[in-house]
Amino acid sequence: MTDLCASSAQTKLSPEVIAALASAMHSVDFADGEAVFRERDPSDQLYVVRDGRLDLIQTDQVIHSVGPGDRVGGLARTTHRSGPR
């Protein structure tokens, strides 16, 4: 939940929305190099990066990298922070 609160500061989510999201969240670990999702997969999951780095790859090239506090997937398109890493 701490990760969600920290990343939600940029999107100005209400405490009620944060609490609702946090109650629906669970932790998932991925191995180095493991695909979290692939291009054209249904966008029905929202991932908040807790630690490490996630590379967004298109046509075998890294097009963007995200790290702790960043969001990818489902709702990230409407709430994603853009900018250099």
C-alpha atoms as a PDB file:
ATOM      1  CA  MET A   1       0.000   0.000   0.000  1.00  0.00           C
ATOM      2  CA  THR A   2       2.918   2.369   0.682  1.00  0.00           C
ATOM      3  CA  ASP A   3       3.974   2.027  -2.976  1.00  0.00           C
ATOM      4  CA  LEU A   4       0.459   2.831  -4.127  1.00  0.00           C
ATOM      5  CA  CYS A   5       0.211   5.897  -1.884  1.00  0.00           C
ATOM      6  CA  ALA A   6       3.569   7.197  -3.072  1.00  0.00           C
ATOM      7  CA  SER A   7       2.755   6.694  -6.741  1.00  0.00           C
ATOM      8  CA  SER A   8      -0.779   8.051  -6.307  1.00  0.00           C
ATOM      9  CA  ALA A   9       0.480  11.409  -5.082  1.00  0.00           C
ATOM     10  CA  GLN A  10       1.088  12.430  -8.696  1.00  0.00           C
ATOM     11  CA  THR A  11      -2.440  11.453  -9.765  1.00  0.00           C
ATOM     12  CA  LYS A  12      -4.253  13.018  -6.785  1.00  0.00           C
ATOM     13  CA  LEU A  13      -6.351   9.973  -5.991  1.00  0.00           C
ATOM     14  CA  SER A  14      -8.650  10.346  -3.021  1.00  0.00           C
ATOM     15  CA  PRO A  15      -7.945   8.317   0.129  1.00  0.00           C
ATOM     16  CA  GLU A  16     -11.132   6.338  -0.569  1.00  0.00           C
ATOM     17  CA  VAL A  17      -9.956   5.364  -4.050  1.00  0.00           C
ATOM     18  CA  ILE A  18      -6.504   4.457  -2.725  1.00  0.00           C
ATOM     19  CA  ALA A  19      -8.096   2.256  -0.034  1.00  0.00           C
ATOM     20  CA  ALA A  20     -10.325   0.521  -2.610  1.00  0.00           C
ATOM     21  CA  LEU A  21      -7.375  -0.131  -4.921  1.00  0.00           C
ATOM     22  CA  ALA A  22      -5.173  -1.340  -2.070  1.00  0.00           C
ATOM     23  CA  SER A  23      -7.807  -3.841  -0.922  1.00  0.00           C
ATOM     24  CA  ALA A  24      -7.872  -5.351  -4.426  1.00  0.00           C
ATOM     25  CA  MET A  25      -4.067  -5.511  -4.819  1.00  0.00           C
ATOM     26  CA  HIS A  26      -1.730  -8.414  -4.323  1.00  0.00           C
ATOM     27  CA  SER A  27       2.003  -8.803  -4.726  1.00  0.00           C
ATOM     28  CA  VAL A  28       3.461 -10.638  -7.730  1.00  0.00           C
ATOM     29  CA  ASP A  29       7.155 -11.396  -8.199  1.00  0.00           C
ATOM     30  CA  PHE A  30       8.774 -11.841 -11.600  1.00  0.00           C
ATOM     31  CA  ALA A  31      12.157 -13.365 -12.434  1.00  0.00           C
ATOM     32  CA  ASP A  32      14.765 -11.348 -14.313  1.00  0.00           C
ATOM     33  CA  GLY A  33      13.889 -11.414 -18.003  1.00  0.00           C
ATOM     34  CA  GLU A  34      10.374 -12.798 -17.443  1.00  0.00           C
ATOM     35  CA  ALA A  35       7.601 -11.207 -19.526  1.00  0.00           C
ATOM     36  CA  VAL A  36       4.966  -9.457 -17.419  1.00  0.00           C
ATOM     37  CA  PHE A  37       2.701  -8.964 -20.419  1.00  0.00           C
ATOM     38  CA  ARG A  38       3.055  -8.794 -24.169  1.00  0.00           C
ATOM     39  CA  GLU A  39       2.006  -6.259 -26.772  1.00  0.00           C
ATOM     40  CA  ARG A  40      -1.669  -6.740 -27.688  1.00  0.00           C
ATOM     41  CA  ASP A  41      -2.432  -8.699 -24.485  1.00  0.00           C
ATOM     42  CA  PRO A  42      -5.713  -7.600 -22.879  1.00  0.00           C
ATOM     43  CA  SER A  43      -5.001  -4.552 -20.754  1.00  0.00           C
ATOM     44  CA  ASP A  44      -6.890  -5.653 -17.666  1.00  0.00           C
ATOM     45  CA  GLN A  45      -4.123  -5.514 -15.044  1.00  0.00           C
ATOM     46  CA  LEU A  46      -2.389  -2.546 -13.462  1.00  0.00           C
ATOM     47  CA  TYR A  47       1.128  -3.088 -12.151  1.00  0.00           C
ATOM     48  CA  VAL A  48       2.924  -0.795  -9.714  1.00  0.00           C
ATOM     49  CA  VAL A  49       6.673  -1.440  -9.770  1.00  0.00           C
ATOM     50  CA  ARG A  50       7.795  -1.988  -6.170  1.00  0.00           C
ATOM     51  CA  ASP A  51      11.498  -2.491  -6.848  1.00  0.00           C
ATOM     52  CA  GLY A  52      13.753  -3.208  -9.773  1.00  0.00           C
ATOM     53  CA  ARG A  53      13.231  -2.079 -13.335  1.00  0.00           C
ATOM     54  CA  LEU A  54      10.755  -3.031 -16.022  1.00  0.00           C
ATOM     55  CA  ASP A  55      11.715  -2.545 -19.658  1.00  0.00           C
ATOM     56  CA  LEU A  56       8.954  -1.949 -22.183  1.00  0.00           C
ATOM     57  CA  ILE A  57      10.108  -3.685 -25.354  1.00  0.00           C
ATOM     58  CA  GLN A  58       8.723  -3.322 -28.858  1.00  0.00           C
ATOM     59  CA  THR A  59      10.227  -5.114 -31.853  1.00  0.00           C
ATOM     60  CA  ASP A  60      13.145  -6.314 -29.710  1.00  0.00           C
ATOM     61  CA  GLN A  61      14.068  -2.751 -28.659  1.00  0.00           C
ATOM     62  CA  VAL A  62      13.660  -1.150 -25.232  1.00  0.00           C
ATOM     63  CA  ILE A  63      11.369   1.832 -25.826  1.00  0.00           C
ATOM     64  CA  HIS A  64      10.939   2.851 -22.185  1.00  0.00           C
ATOM     65  CA  SER A  65      12.038   1.723 -18.727  1.00  0.00           C
ATOM     66  CA  VAL A  66      10.085   2.152 -15.519  1.00  0.00           C
ATOM     67  CA  GLY A  67      11.107   1.761 -11.900  1.00  0.00           C
ATOM     68  CA  PRO A  68       9.813   1.904  -8.341  1.00  0.00           C
ATOM     69  CA  GLY A  69       6.520   3.794  -8.030  1.00  0.00           C
ATOM     70  CA  ASP A  70       5.815   3.738 -11.775  1.00  0.00           C
ATOM     71  CA  ARG A  71       2.668   2.092 -13.126  1.00  0.00           C
ATOM     72  CA  VAL A  72       2.192   0.031 -16.286  1.00  0.00           C
ATOM     73  CA  GLY A  73      -0.709  -1.857 -17.810  1.00  0.00           C
ATOM     74  CA  GLY A  74      -4.464  -1.321 -17.576  1.00  0.00           C
ATOM     75  CA  LEU A  75      -5.118   2.116 -16.127  1.00  0.00           C
ATOM     76  CA  ALA A  76      -1.544   3.329 -16.589  1.00  0.00           C
ATOM     77  CA  ARG A  77      -2.440   4.973 -19.883  1.00  0.00           C
ATOM     78  CA  THR A  78      -4.613   7.478 -18.066  1.00  0.00           C
ATOM     79  CA  THR A  79      -2.370   7.944 -15.026  1.00  0.00           C
ATOM     80  CA  HIS A  80       1.186   7.330 -16.261  1.00  0.00           C
ATOM     81  CA  ARG A  81       3.883   9.816 -15.344  1.00  0.00           C
ATOM     82  CA  SER A  82       5.976  10.604 -18.348  1.00  0.00           C
ATOM     83  CA  GLY A  83       9.479  11.919 -18.284  1.00  0.00           C
ATOM     84  CA  PRO A  84      13.077  10.818 -18.270  1.00  0.00           C
ATOM     85  CA  ARG A  85      14.339   8.171 -15.893  1.00  0.00           C
END
